[in-house]
Amino acid sequence: MLFKMLVLQRMNNLSDDRLEYQVRDRLSFMRFLGLDLAGVVPDAKTLWAFREELKKNYLMDRLFARFDECLRALDVELKSG
């Protein structure tokens, strides 16, 4: 779920706090993350810690590159919002 949140964040150019708010507010974000209305949403600090851990281990760029490869294989083009 945290990686999916990073995808939403990057696509919509959101801060960690704003992303947390939008996930709680937008049904489309909830649906993308597989949450229902009562679902537990990771807070902004958790998202920050996850992203920092990915960066520390040099995984952020590799994960997004792999994600882009998978989308291209499905002939899907991702555009920011």
PDB file of N, CA and C in Angstrom:
ATOM      1  N   MET A   1       0.820  -1.184   0.000  1.00  0.00           N
ATOM      2  CA  MET A   1       0.000   0.000   0.000  1.00  0.00           C
ATOM      3  C   MET A   1       0.872   1.259   0.000  1.00  0.00           C
ATOM      4  N   LEU A   2       1.979   1.219   0.733  1.00  0.00           N
ATOM      5  CA  LEU A   2       2.830   2.406   0.808  1.00  0.00           C
ATOM      6  C   LEU A   2       3.419   2.764  -0.558  1.00  0.00           C
ATOM      7  N   PHE A   3       3.799   1.762  -1.342  1.00  0.00           N
ATOM      8  CA  PHE A   3       4.308   2.077  -2.681  1.00  0.00           C
ATOM      9  C   PHE A   3       3.206   2.690  -3.536  1.00  0.00           C
ATOM     10  N   LYS A   4       2.004   2.156  -3.446  1.00  0.00           N
ATOM     11  CA  LYS A   4       0.885   2.737  -4.191  1.00  0.00           C
ATOM     12  C   LYS A   4       0.646   4.186  -3.772  1.00  0.00           C
ATOM     13  N   MET A   5       0.831   4.471  -2.488  1.00  0.00           N
ATOM     14  CA  MET A   5       0.687   5.853  -2.023  1.00  0.00           C
ATOM     15  C   MET A   5       1.766   6.737  -2.640  1.00  0.00           C
ATOM     16  N   LEU A   6       2.983   6.217  -2.787  1.00  0.00           N
ATOM     17  CA  LEU A   6       4.042   6.991  -3.434  1.00  0.00           C
ATOM     18  C   LEU A   6       3.702   7.269  -4.896  1.00  0.00           C
ATOM     19  N   VAL A   7       3.067   6.294  -5.546  1.00  0.00           N
ATOM     20  CA  VAL A   7       2.632   6.503  -6.937  1.00  0.00           C
ATOM     21  C   VAL A   7       1.615   7.637  -6.993  1.00  0.00           C
ATOM     22  N   LEU A   8       0.614   7.592  -6.124  1.00  0.00           N
ATOM     23  CA  LEU A   8      -0.386   8.674  -6.083  1.00  0.00           C
ATOM     24  C   LEU A   8       0.268  10.022  -5.787  1.00  0.00           C
ATOM     25  N   GLN A   9       1.204  10.004  -4.869  1.00  0.00           N
ATOM     26  CA  GLN A   9       1.886  11.237  -4.490  1.00  0.00           C
ATOM     27  C   GLN A   9       2.626  11.835  -5.678  1.00  0.00           C
ATOM     28  N   ARG A  10       3.344  10.990  -6.388  1.00  0.00           N
ATOM     29  CA  ARG A  10       4.122  11.468  -7.537  1.00  0.00           C
ATOM     30  C   ARG A  10       3.202  11.932  -8.663  1.00  0.00           C
ATOM     31  N   MET A  11       2.138  11.190  -8.917  1.00  0.00           N
ATOM     32  CA  MET A  11       1.218  11.552 -10.002  1.00  0.00           C
ATOM     33  C   MET A  11       0.504  12.865  -9.743  1.00  0.00           C
ATOM     34  N   ASN A  12       0.239  13.163  -8.467  1.00  0.00           N
ATOM     35  CA  ASN A  12      -0.558  14.330  -8.129  1.00  0.00           C
ATOM     36  C   ASN A  12       0.237  15.435  -7.450  1.00  0.00           C
ATOM     37  N   ASN A  13       1.565  15.256  -7.365  1.00  0.00           N
ATOM     38  CA  ASN A  13       2.446  16.267  -6.790  1.00  0.00           C
ATOM     39  C   ASN A  13       1.968  16.723  -5.406  1.00  0.00           C
ATOM     40  N   LEU A  14       1.820  15.758  -4.492  1.00  0.00           N
ATOM     41  CA  LEU A  14       1.287  16.034  -3.161  1.00  0.00           C
ATOM     42  C   LEU A  14       2.357  15.886  -2.092  1.00  0.00           C
ATOM     43  N   SER A  15       2.265  16.699  -1.072  1.00  0.00           N
ATOM     44  CA  SER A  15       3.123  16.526   0.101  1.00  0.00           C
ATOM     45  C   SER A  15       2.638  15.299   0.873  1.00  0.00           C
ATOM     46  N   ASP A  16       3.418  14.848   1.828  1.00  0.00           N
ATOM     47  CA  ASP A  16       3.019  13.692   2.628  1.00  0.00           C
ATOM     48  C   ASP A  16       1.720  13.974   3.374  1.00  0.00           C
ATOM     49  N   ASP A  17       1.627  15.147   4.000  1.00  0.00           N
ATOM     50  CA  ASP A  17       0.414  15.498   4.750  1.00  0.00           C
ATOM     51  C   ASP A  17      -0.797  15.601   3.834  1.00  0.00           C
ATOM     52  N   ARG A  18      -0.593  16.214   2.679  1.00  0.00           N
ATOM     53  CA  ARG A  18      -1.711  16.387   1.737  1.00  0.00           C
ATOM     54  C   ARG A  18      -2.160  15.030   1.183  1.00  0.00           C
ATOM     55  N   LEU A  19      -1.207  14.141   0.934  1.00  0.00           N
ATOM     56  CA  LEU A  19      -1.563  12.805   0.454  1.00  0.00           C
ATOM     57  C   LEU A  19      -2.389  12.068   1.494  1.00  0.00           C
ATOM     58  N   GLU A  20      -1.975  12.129   2.747  1.00  0.00           N
ATOM     59  CA  GLU A  20      -2.740  11.466   3.809  1.00  0.00           C
ATOM     60  C   GLU A  20      -4.184  11.987   3.811  1.00  0.00           C
ATOM     61  N   TYR A  21      -4.338  13.298   3.708  1.00  0.00           N
ATOM     62  CA  TYR A  21      -5.673  13.894   3.681  1.00  0.00           C
ATOM     63  C   TYR A  21      -6.463  13.395   2.466  1.00  0.00           C
ATOM     64  N   GLN A  22      -5.830  13.422   1.291  1.00  0.00           N
ATOM     65  CA  GLN A  22      -6.536  13.034   0.063  1.00  0.00           C
ATOM     66  C   GLN A  22      -6.944  11.560   0.092  1.00  0.00           C
ATOM     67  N   VAL A  23      -6.106  10.699   0.662  1.00  0.00           N
ATOM     68  CA  VAL A  23      -6.459   9.279   0.751  1.00  0.00           C
ATOM     69  C   VAL A  23      -7.691   9.105   1.626  1.00  0.00           C
ATOM     70  N   ARG A  24      -7.782   9.874   2.680  1.00  0.00           N
ATOM     71  CA  ARG A  24      -8.956   9.794   3.560  1.00  0.00           C
ATOM     72  C   ARG A  24     -10.203  10.410   2.912  1.00  0.00           C
ATOM     73  N   ASP A  25      -9.996  11.342   1.982  1.00  0.00           N
ATOM     74  CA  ASP A  25     -11.094  12.120   1.415  1.00  0.00           C
ATOM     75  C   ASP A  25     -11.608  11.598   0.073  1.00  0.00           C
ATOM     76  N   ARG A  26     -10.745  11.088  -0.755  1.00  0.00           N
ATOM     77  CA  ARG A  26     -11.124  10.727  -2.125  1.00  0.00           C
ATOM     78  C   ARG A  26     -11.417   9.231  -2.272  1.00  0.00           C
ATOM     79  N   LEU A  27     -12.578   8.943  -2.762  1.00  0.00           N
ATOM     80  CA  LEU A  27     -12.949   7.549  -2.992  1.00  0.00           C
ATOM     81  C   LEU A  27     -12.057   6.902  -4.052  1.00  0.00           C
ATOM     82  N   SER A  28     -11.662   7.668  -5.055  1.00  0.00           N
ATOM     83  CA  SER A  28     -10.805   7.099  -6.102  1.00  0.00           C
ATOM     84  C   SER A  28      -9.454   6.681  -5.527  1.00  0.00           C
ATOM     85  N   PHE A  29      -8.905   7.457  -4.602  1.00  0.00           N
ATOM     86  CA  PHE A  29      -7.640   7.093  -3.967  1.00  0.00           C
ATOM     87  C   PHE A  29      -7.837   5.853  -3.103  1.00  0.00           C
ATOM     88  N   MET A  30      -8.928   5.820  -2.355  1.00  0.00           N
ATOM     89  CA  MET A  30      -9.218   4.654  -1.511  1.00  0.00           C
ATOM     90  C   MET A  30      -9.330   3.390  -2.362  1.00  0.00           C
ATOM     91  N   ARG A  31     -10.044   3.502  -3.464  1.00  0.00           N
ATOM     92  CA  ARG A  31     -10.241   2.358  -4.351  1.00  0.00           C
ATOM     93  C   ARG A  31      -8.904   1.880  -4.907  1.00  0.00           C
ATOM     94  N   PHE A  32      -8.057   2.795  -5.340  1.00  0.00           N
ATOM     95  CA  PHE A  32      -6.743   2.449  -5.872  1.00  0.00           C
ATOM     96  C   PHE A  32      -5.906   1.708  -4.825  1.00  0.00           C
ATOM     97  N   LEU A  33      -6.050   2.120  -3.569  1.00  0.00           N
ATOM     98  CA  LEU A  33      -5.281   1.508  -2.484  1.00  0.00           C
ATOM     99  C   LEU A  33      -5.946   0.264  -1.904  1.00  0.00           C
ATOM    100  N   GLY A  34      -7.156  -0.032  -2.343  1.00  0.00           N
ATOM    101  CA  GLY A  34      -7.864  -1.199  -1.840  1.00  0.00           C
ATOM    102  C   GLY A  34      -8.450  -0.990  -0.457  1.00  0.00           C
ATOM    103  N   LEU A  35      -8.776   0.250  -0.126  1.00  0.00           N
ATOM    104  CA  LEU A  35      -9.340   0.583   1.184  1.00  0.00           C
ATOM    105  C   LEU A  35     -10.845   0.763   1.097  1.00  0.00           C
ATOM    106  N   ASP A  36     -11.534   0.466   2.191  1.00  0.00           N
ATOM    107  CA  ASP A  36     -12.940   0.843   2.287  1.00  0.00           C
ATOM    108  C   ASP A  36     -13.011   2.097   3.158  1.00  0.00           C
ATOM    109  N   LEU A  37     -14.209   2.589   3.387  1.00  0.00           N
ATOM    110  CA  LEU A  37     -14.357   3.847   4.131  1.00  0.00           C
ATOM    111  C   LEU A  37     -13.799   3.781   5.546  1.00  0.00           C
ATOM    112  N   ALA A  38     -13.785   2.605   6.131  1.00  0.00           N
ATOM    113  CA  ALA A  38     -13.268   2.452   7.495  1.00  0.00           C
ATOM    114  C   ALA A  38     -11.820   1.968   7.506  1.00  0.00           C
ATOM    115  N   GLY A  39     -11.186   1.929   6.333  1.00  0.00           N
ATOM    116  CA  GLY A  39      -9.822   1.416   6.233  1.00  0.00           C
ATOM    117  C   GLY A  39      -8.811   2.280   6.970  1.00  0.00           C
ATOM    118  N   VAL A  40      -7.761   1.634   7.437  1.00  0.00           N
ATOM    119  CA  VAL A  40      -6.693   2.336   8.142  1.00  0.00           C
ATOM    120  C   VAL A  40      -5.723   2.919   7.119  1.00  0.00           C
ATOM    121  N   VAL A  41      -5.519   4.230   7.198  1.00  0.00           N
ATOM    122  CA  VAL A  41      -4.640   4.937   6.273  1.00  0.00           C
ATOM    123  C   VAL A  41      -3.322   5.232   6.984  1.00  0.00           C
ATOM    124  N   PRO A  42      -2.194   4.816   6.397  1.00  0.00           N
ATOM    125  CA  PRO A  42      -0.906   5.170   6.995  1.00  0.00           C
ATOM    126  C   PRO A  42      -0.761   6.696   7.071  1.00  0.00           C
ATOM    127  N   ASP A  43      -0.193   7.178   8.156  1.00  0.00           N
ATOM    128  CA  ASP A  43      -0.057   8.628   8.307  1.00  0.00           C
ATOM    129  C   ASP A  43       1.152   9.143   7.535  1.00  0.00           C
ATOM    130  N   ALA A  44       1.267  10.466   7.478  1.00  0.00           N
ATOM    131  CA  ALA A  44       2.323  11.127   6.711  1.00  0.00           C
ATOM    132  C   ALA A  44       3.711  10.726   7.207  1.00  0.00           C
ATOM    133  N   LYS A  45       3.882  10.556   8.504  1.00  0.00           N
ATOM    134  CA  LYS A  45       5.196  10.188   9.049  1.00  0.00           C
ATOM    135  C   LYS A  45       5.598   8.777   8.622  1.00  0.00           C
ATOM    136  N   THR A  46       4.640   7.889   8.559  1.00  0.00           N
ATOM    137  CA  THR A  46       4.908   6.522   8.105  1.00  0.00           C
ATOM    138  C   THR A  46       5.331   6.525   6.646  1.00  0.00           C
ATOM    139  N   LEU A  47       4.636   7.302   5.824  1.00  0.00           N
ATOM    140  CA  LEU A  47       4.977   7.411   4.413  1.00  0.00           C
ATOM    141  C   LEU A  47       6.376   8.002   4.254  1.00  0.00           C
ATOM    142  N   TRP A  48       6.686   9.045   5.019  1.00  0.00           N
ATOM    143  CA  TRP A  48       8.002   9.668   4.968  1.00  0.00           C
ATOM    144  C   TRP A  48       9.078   8.647   5.326  1.00  0.00           C
ATOM    145  N   ALA A  49       8.870   7.895   6.406  1.00  0.00           N
ATOM    146  CA  ALA A  49       9.852   6.902   6.855  1.00  0.00           C
ATOM    147  C   ALA A  49      10.055   5.817   5.798  1.00  0.00           C
ATOM    148  N   PHE A  50       8.974   5.387   5.157  1.00  0.00           N
ATOM    149  CA  PHE A  50       9.057   4.377   4.099  1.00  0.00           C
ATOM    150  C   PHE A  50       9.886   4.905   2.934  1.00  0.00           C
ATOM    151  N   ARG A  51       9.593   6.126   2.492  1.00  0.00           N
ATOM    152  CA  ARG A  51      10.323   6.717   1.373  1.00  0.00           C
ATOM    153  C   ARG A  51      11.808   6.886   1.713  1.00  0.00           C
ATOM    154  N   GLU A  52      12.095   7.342   2.923  1.00  0.00           N
ATOM    155  CA  GLU A  52      13.485   7.520   3.345  1.00  0.00           C
ATOM    156  C   GLU A  52      14.229   6.186   3.391  1.00  0.00           C
ATOM    157  N   GLU A  53      13.561   5.137   3.817  1.00  0.00           N
ATOM    158  CA  GLU A  53      14.180   3.806   3.847  1.00  0.00           C
ATOM    159  C   GLU A  53      14.476   3.327   2.430  1.00  0.00           C
ATOM    160  N   LEU A  54      13.556   3.575   1.502  1.00  0.00           N
ATOM    161  CA  LEU A  54      13.801   3.225   0.103  1.00  0.00           C
ATOM    162  C   LEU A  54      15.004   3.988  -0.439  1.00  0.00           C
ATOM    163  N   LYS A  55      15.068   5.285  -0.145  1.00  0.00           N
ATOM    164  CA  LYS A  55      16.191   6.103  -0.615  1.00  0.00           C
ATOM    165  C   LYS A  55      17.506   5.627  -0.015  1.00  0.00           C
ATOM    166  N   LYS A  56      17.491   5.352   1.272  1.00  0.00           N
ATOM    167  CA  LYS A  56      18.694   4.910   1.977  1.00  0.00           C
ATOM    168  C   LYS A  56      19.264   3.636   1.364  1.00  0.00           C
ATOM    169  N   ASN A  57      18.390   2.767   0.906  1.00  0.00           N
ATOM    170  CA  ASN A  57      18.802   1.503   0.311  1.00  0.00           C
ATOM    171  C   ASN A  57      18.844   1.545  -1.218  1.00  0.00           C
ATOM    172  N   TYR A  58      18.792   2.752  -1.788  1.00  0.00           N
ATOM    173  CA  TYR A  58      18.875   2.960  -3.238  1.00  0.00           C
ATOM    174  C   TYR A  58      17.816   2.159  -4.005  1.00  0.00           C
ATOM    175  N   LEU A  59      16.615   2.126  -3.460  1.00  0.00           N
ATOM    176  CA  LEU A  59      15.543   1.349  -4.083  1.00  0.00           C
ATOM    177  C   LEU A  59      14.474   2.202  -4.759  1.00  0.00           C
ATOM    178  N   MET A  60      14.408   3.468  -4.422  1.00  0.00           N
ATOM    179  CA  MET A  60      13.336   4.319  -4.944  1.00  0.00           C
ATOM    180  C   MET A  60      13.345   4.362  -6.474  1.00  0.00           C
ATOM    181  N   ASP A  61      14.471   4.718  -7.059  1.00  0.00           N
ATOM    182  CA  ASP A  61      14.540   4.811  -8.520  1.00  0.00           C
ATOM    183  C   ASP A  61      14.347   3.449  -9.176  1.00  0.00           C
ATOM    184  N   ARG A  62      14.895   2.411  -8.558  1.00  0.00           N
ATOM    185  CA  ARG A  62      14.755   1.066  -9.119  1.00  0.00           C
ATOM    186  C   ARG A  62      13.300   0.600  -9.110  1.00  0.00           C
ATOM    187  N   LEU A  63      12.584   0.879  -8.007  1.00  0.00           N
ATOM    188  CA  LEU A  63      11.172   0.483  -7.937  1.00  0.00           C
ATOM    189  C   LEU A  63      10.330   1.208  -8.978  1.00  0.00           C
ATOM    190  N   PHE A  64      10.546   2.527  -9.099  1.00  0.00           N
ATOM    191  CA  PHE A  64       9.760   3.280 -10.079  1.00  0.00           C
ATOM    192  C   PHE A  64      10.140   2.906 -11.511  1.00  0.00           C
ATOM    193  N   ALA A  65      11.392   2.582 -11.749  1.00  0.00           N
ATOM    194  CA  ALA A  65      11.801   2.130 -13.084  1.00  0.00           C
ATOM    195  C   ALA A  65      11.108   0.810 -13.417  1.00  0.00           C
ATOM    196  N   ARG A  66      11.068  -0.090 -12.454  1.00  0.00           N
ATOM    197  CA  ARG A  66      10.396  -1.390 -12.661  1.00  0.00           C
ATOM    198  C   ARG A  66       8.896  -1.196 -12.866  1.00  0.00           C
ATOM    199  N   PHE A  67       8.314  -0.295 -12.091  1.00  0.00           N
ATOM    200  CA  PHE A  67       6.895   0.028 -12.228  1.00  0.00           C
ATOM    201  C   PHE A  67       6.610   0.554 -13.640  1.00  0.00           C
ATOM    202  N   ASP A  68       7.468   1.460 -14.130  1.00  0.00           N
ATOM    203  CA  ASP A  68       7.303   1.999 -15.483  1.00  0.00           C
ATOM    204  C   ASP A  68       7.425   0.899 -16.534  1.00  0.00           C
ATOM    205  N   GLU A  69       8.366  -0.039 -16.337  1.00  0.00           N
ATOM    206  CA  GLU A  69       8.507  -1.165 -17.258  1.00  0.00           C
ATOM    207  C   GLU A  69       7.225  -1.991 -17.325  1.00  0.00           C
ATOM    208  N   CYS A  70       6.654  -2.265 -16.172  1.00  0.00           N
ATOM    209  CA  CYS A  70       5.409  -3.050 -16.117  1.00  0.00           C
ATOM    210  C   CYS A  70       4.275  -2.327 -16.828  1.00  0.00           C
ATOM    211  N   LEU A  71       4.185  -1.031 -16.645  1.00  0.00           N
ATOM    212  CA  LEU A  71       3.137  -0.257 -17.323  1.00  0.00           C
ATOM    213  C   LEU A  71       3.346  -0.274 -18.833  1.00  0.00           C
ATOM    214  N   ARG A  72       4.589  -0.092 -19.267  1.00  0.00           N
ATOM    215  CA  ARG A  72       4.876  -0.128 -20.708  1.00  0.00           C
ATOM    216  C   ARG A  72       4.532  -1.493 -21.302  1.00  0.00           C
ATOM    217  N   ALA A  73       4.810  -2.567 -20.569  1.00  0.00           N
ATOM    218  CA  ALA A  73       4.487  -3.920 -21.044  1.00  0.00           C
ATOM    219  C   ALA A  73       2.984  -4.089 -21.237  1.00  0.00           C
ATOM    220  N   LEU A  74       2.205  -3.363 -20.434  1.00  0.00           N
ATOM    221  CA  LEU A  74       0.751  -3.409 -20.569  1.00  0.00           C
ATOM    222  C   LEU A  74       0.227  -2.355 -21.532  1.00  0.00           C
ATOM    223  N   ASP A  75       1.152  -1.610 -22.141  1.00  0.00           N
ATOM    224  CA  ASP A  75       0.822  -0.515 -23.068  1.00  0.00           C
ATOM    225  C   ASP A  75       0.001   0.567 -22.365  1.00  0.00           C
ATOM    226  N   VAL A  76       0.400   0.874 -21.131  1.00  0.00           N
ATOM    227  CA  VAL A  76      -0.263   1.907 -20.332  1.00  0.00           C
ATOM    228  C   VAL A  76       0.681   3.080 -20.188  1.00  0.00           C
ATOM    229  N   GLU A  77       0.155   4.261 -20.408  1.00  0.00           N
ATOM    230  CA  GLU A  77       0.958   5.471 -20.240  1.00  0.00           C
ATOM    231  C   GLU A  77       0.439   6.222 -19.018  1.00  0.00           C
ATOM    232  N   LEU A  78       1.333   6.522 -18.108  1.00  0.00           N
ATOM    233  CA  LEU A  78       0.972   7.208 -16.868  1.00  0.00           C
ATOM    234  C   LEU A  78       1.245   8.690 -17.017  1.00  0.00           C
ATOM    235  N   LYS A  79       0.251   9.503 -16.718  1.00  0.00           N
ATOM    236  CA  LYS A  79       0.409  10.952 -16.782  1.00  0.00           C
ATOM    237  C   LYS A  79       0.091  11.540 -15.424  1.00  0.00           C
ATOM    238  N   SER A  80       0.817  12.566 -15.068  1.00  0.00           N
ATOM    239  CA  SER A  80       0.564  13.203 -13.766  1.00  0.00           C
ATOM    240  C   SER A  80      -0.707  14.042 -13.849  1.00  0.00           C
ATOM    241  N   GLY A  81      -1.292  14.259 -12.675  1.00  0.00           N
ATOM    242  CA  GLY A  81      -2.590  14.931 -12.611  1.00  0.00           C
ATOM    243  C   GLY A  81      -2.548  16.377 -12.379  1.00  0.00           C
TER     244      GLY A  81
END
